[in-house]
Amino acid sequence: MKKVVKAMDEFPLWLKVILALPILDIVWAVYRIIKGAAYGKVSLVIWGIVWIILGWAIFWIIDIISLIVYRDIKILA
């Protein structure tokens, strides 16, 4: 699972932004769940589940801002 996290971390910025758009943001929700499981962080798994439920409506904006500022998914991940 750590290989999946590393591979997603190495995506080019343009692809990360596309995946942060509404509906496609579910990819980052799954990323959070996988990263939480790989590193043993229960809170990250919970945030991933919440992201699946509310990410398409609200949280995708947080992902785009995080990508613009940090060039990576850093907030709640």
C-alpha atoms as a PDB file:
ATOM      1  CA  MET A   1       0.000   0.000   0.000  1.00  0.00           C
ATOM      2  CA  LYS A   2       2.903   2.331   0.593  1.00  0.00           C
ATOM      3  CA  LYS A   3       3.805   1.951  -3.085  1.00  0.00           C
ATOM      4  CA  VAL A   4       0.369   3.258  -4.069  1.00  0.00           C
ATOM      5  CA  VAL A   5       0.796   6.260  -1.768  1.00  0.00           C
ATOM      6  CA  LYS A   6       4.258   6.948  -3.168  1.00  0.00           C
ATOM      7  CA  ALA A   7       3.016   6.630  -6.755  1.00  0.00           C
ATOM      8  CA  MET A   8       0.173   9.081  -6.127  1.00  0.00           C
ATOM      9  CA  ASP A   9       2.567  11.494  -4.416  1.00  0.00           C
ATOM     10  CA  GLU A  10       4.690  11.451  -7.568  1.00  0.00           C
ATOM     11  CA  PHE A  11       1.819  12.337  -9.939  1.00  0.00           C
ATOM     12  CA  PRO A  12       2.464  15.524 -11.931  1.00  0.00           C
ATOM     13  CA  LEU A  13       0.745  18.633 -10.561  1.00  0.00           C
ATOM     14  CA  TRP A  14      -1.643  18.952 -13.503  1.00  0.00           C
ATOM     15  CA  LEU A  15      -2.949  15.419 -12.899  1.00  0.00           C
ATOM     16  CA  LYS A  16      -3.345  16.061  -9.171  1.00  0.00           C
ATOM     17  CA  VAL A  17      -5.427  19.167  -9.912  1.00  0.00           C
ATOM     18  CA  ILE A  18      -7.641  17.283 -12.356  1.00  0.00           C
ATOM     19  CA  LEU A  19      -8.198  14.558  -9.759  1.00  0.00           C
ATOM     20  CA  ALA A  20      -9.155  17.229  -7.206  1.00  0.00           C
ATOM     21  CA  LEU A  21     -12.113  18.433  -9.256  1.00  0.00           C
ATOM     22  CA  PRO A  22     -15.653  17.578  -8.080  1.00  0.00           C
ATOM     23  CA  ILE A  23     -16.690  13.951  -8.599  1.00  0.00           C
ATOM     24  CA  LEU A  24     -13.065  12.926  -9.351  1.00  0.00           C
ATOM     25  CA  ASP A  25     -12.072  14.003  -5.834  1.00  0.00           C
ATOM     26  CA  ILE A  26     -13.090  10.538  -4.665  1.00  0.00           C
ATOM     27  CA  VAL A  27      -9.595   9.484  -5.792  1.00  0.00           C
ATOM     28  CA  TRP A  28      -8.085  11.634  -3.031  1.00  0.00           C
ATOM     29  CA  ALA A  29     -10.586  10.202  -0.528  1.00  0.00           C
ATOM     30  CA  VAL A  30      -9.404   6.697  -1.388  1.00  0.00           C
ATOM     31  CA  TYR A  31      -5.804   7.979  -1.195  1.00  0.00           C
ATOM     32  CA  ARG A  32      -6.449   9.138   2.373  1.00  0.00           C
ATOM     33  CA  ILE A  33      -7.931   5.767   3.327  1.00  0.00           C
ATOM     34  CA  ILE A  34      -5.023   3.840   1.793  1.00  0.00           C
ATOM     35  CA  LYS A  35      -2.445   6.167   3.363  1.00  0.00           C
ATOM     36  CA  GLY A  36      -4.140   5.838   6.759  1.00  0.00           C
ATOM     37  CA  ALA A  37      -4.161   2.052   6.491  1.00  0.00           C
ATOM     38  CA  ALA A  38      -0.547   1.918   5.285  1.00  0.00           C
ATOM     39  CA  TYR A  39       0.780   4.099   8.099  1.00  0.00           C
ATOM     40  CA  GLY A  40      -1.626   2.978  10.839  1.00  0.00           C
ATOM     41  CA  LYS A  41      -3.453   6.291  11.220  1.00  0.00           C
ATOM     42  CA  VAL A  42      -7.090   5.686  12.122  1.00  0.00           C
ATOM     43  CA  SER A  43      -7.932   9.391  11.938  1.00  0.00           C
ATOM     44  CA  LEU A  44      -6.821   9.493   8.317  1.00  0.00           C
ATOM     45  CA  VAL A  45      -9.023   6.523   7.469  1.00  0.00           C
ATOM     46  CA  ILE A  46     -11.976   8.299   9.111  1.00  0.00           C
ATOM     47  CA  TRP A  47     -11.217  11.510   7.182  1.00  0.00           C
ATOM     48  CA  GLY A  48     -11.090   9.466   3.981  1.00  0.00           C
ATOM     49  CA  ILE A  49     -14.536   8.073   4.648  1.00  0.00           C
ATOM     50  CA  VAL A  50     -15.885  11.548   5.446  1.00  0.00           C
ATOM     51  CA  TRP A  51     -14.209  12.791   2.255  1.00  0.00           C
ATOM     52  CA  ILE A  52     -16.098  10.186   0.209  1.00  0.00           C
ATOM     53  CA  ILE A  53     -19.395  11.361   1.677  1.00  0.00           C
ATOM     54  CA  LEU A  54     -18.834  15.148   1.545  1.00  0.00           C
ATOM     55  CA  GLY A  55     -15.832  15.582  -0.744  1.00  0.00           C
ATOM     56  CA  TRP A  56     -17.809  15.999  -3.939  1.00  0.00           C
ATOM     57  CA  ALA A  57     -19.788  18.885  -2.448  1.00  0.00           C
ATOM     58  CA  ILE A  58     -17.410  20.778  -0.193  1.00  0.00           C
ATOM     59  CA  PHE A  59     -13.947  19.366   0.393  1.00  0.00           C
ATOM     60  CA  TRP A  60     -12.720  19.367  -3.214  1.00  0.00           C
ATOM     61  CA  ILE A  61     -12.038  23.092  -2.781  1.00  0.00           C
ATOM     62  CA  ILE A  62      -9.694  22.310   0.128  1.00  0.00           C
ATOM     63  CA  ASP A  63      -7.769  19.865  -2.080  1.00  0.00           C
ATOM     64  CA  ILE A  64      -7.351  22.423  -4.871  1.00  0.00           C
ATOM     65  CA  ILE A  65      -6.158  25.103  -2.432  1.00  0.00           C
ATOM     66  CA  SER A  66      -3.748  22.602  -0.876  1.00  0.00           C
ATOM     67  CA  LEU A  67      -2.365  21.746  -4.314  1.00  0.00           C
ATOM     68  CA  ILE A  68      -1.907  25.416  -5.228  1.00  0.00           C
ATOM     69  CA  VAL A  69      -0.196  26.328  -1.962  1.00  0.00           C
ATOM     70  CA  TYR A  70       1.807  23.169  -1.153  1.00  0.00           C
ATOM     71  CA  ARG A  71       1.918  21.419  -4.558  1.00  0.00           C
ATOM     72  CA  ASP A  72       0.647  18.320  -2.754  1.00  0.00           C
ATOM     73  CA  ILE A  73      -2.351  17.069  -0.798  1.00  0.00           C
ATOM     74  CA  LYS A  74      -1.345  18.154   2.713  1.00  0.00           C
ATOM     75  CA  ILE A  75      -4.548  19.208   4.463  1.00  0.00           C
ATOM     76  CA  LEU A  76      -6.140  16.290   6.314  1.00  0.00           C
ATOM     77  CA  ALA A  77      -3.886  13.799   4.557  1.00  0.00           C
END
